């Protein structure tokens, strides 16, 4: 029997029975071709929130060991002596993301071996292996569209260390290794305008804002209120680095992690995938960033502590003399039972500003302007805005959302069941995000096949604009969009798969209130019946005392923004312009 690990068909051998490692192997665009093969599919493992919780906690333990080893190896390679926190800030969320997706692959390969001990497969020839240039490149090659070549490479690294028979094979069209890291920023981009103006006007440079969730006009308003005494720098710099992979070093160096089988496999594999900018390109990146920015603010606030390598290397270099403050981004923070991104940001920050909730001495509430109530008048509106998320076919991190192709298929099936049960379909306008089919799910095509003729909203207009012209917001995904709808007092109905979504202990009382008043539902049919019953007089339900109490209680904790948010931000900045104690 032959094991197909990805949707890359030239690495399938259909001459005998074909075993698909997961539903990610079967692209919707090629669904008819499956029928021509004698085949089975390995069951998807992550079918409950309890399994997700175990995985997150296990991977967190592995992550702490990994930081120690990466610190040792990178210090040796770069000839420096930095502490672990330096590399936590430098590497951002890449380490835990890599662990999570590798553990998912490990679990499914183990399952395949247990079910079919005599499996054989093809492994990608090492001459065609690819090393991502930076974290953005990593996520691009890992998750983009129908291109599974990098996924195939990671599976190949794993299976040759496990009990699976394999033969090497080359791709007809392999990924071409990059040897330069380049970023080009428009001279008059908003980021550069912020940096130039604040750099010339601000005399103190004691508090730096970087990629905070403010519009251009909100930023100008805050800048004026602060009389220009803030530095604004999003670290969008022109960078050009030659960074050819040091393949010999990557082949020879080993991490000393042998706690269990997976940990041992991780230690053998991870340096083969460490983005080049952290190893071969590090010294030149450091030099170019500090040619452009070497001011020393005492405090630094960002909602994007990871992801931008220029900001990461700057913050890593300055963390001992600069207070690092993170501002939450994303609707799952504080709400999810466990949230790996939140865990990372809280770990590396001196203070973590939230949208209302507090659960330790490091978490502080701060208004987030995207949640400011715009007071939309929607009483005469007719549209039901139904938001559907398009999600990656592969597990790239563990979190309480539909992960991987199997869960995505169930999620879309629930979306279709809702539409089938709804009588008011003529009022529906569907907004798919993202709407460019970047994950290869053909989401619009699949919905349109079951329910032709429905209207679709273009993501070229903002979500808030779409919300403004809607009578009702509906989703089966509890994220930032749901929180924005609730914060803006738009009638909202959300149906959730309780096997997938799991909430924190401090959020559960508020979640229960949302269920009790009909904002949250457990099934698509329940949500559809509720909407059909209340659509004609939706405001009578929405403006009732019990609904508004539930909404306001939740919003005050998890999507808070006072009207005069500039004054609140001013106060926070003034109170936190203090030198860091070394």
Foldseek 3Di string as FASTA:
>chain_A
DEEDAALPVVFFDQPAEYEYLACNNAFPVRNVVVVVGNYYYQDQDQQFPVVLVVLVVVLVVLLVLVLVQVQVVLCVQVVHRDDSLLVLLLQPCVVSLVLFQLVSLVVSVVSVCVVPVQYETEAEDPVQAEAAQHVVSVCQCPFFARRHQNVSNSNNLPVVVDNYHYHYDHDPDGDDYDQKDWADDDCPDLQNVQQVVLVVQAPAQQEEEEAAPDDSVRVVVLCVVLRSNYGYHNQRDTDIFGFDDPVVCLQPDFGPFPPDDSSRSCRNPVSSHRHRCSRRVVVRLLVVLVVPDDDQHQEYEHQDSDDNSSNSNVCSVRVQWHAYEHEHDKQCVQWFQDDVSNVSRLVSHQAYEACAADDDPRYHHAARVLLAAPQFDAPPAQAEEEEEEDDAQGASHRGQDQHHVVSSVVQLVQVLVLCVLAPVQQRYEYEYVPPPSGRSRCSVVVSCVSPPPGHYDHVVDPLVVVQSRHQEYEYQDRMPSQLSCLSNLHHAAYEYANRRTHTHPVCVVLVVLCVVLHRYHHGSNSVNVVCNVQVVPVVVSSVDPSNNVSSVVNCNHHPHHDPPSSVVVSVVVVVPSDIRDD
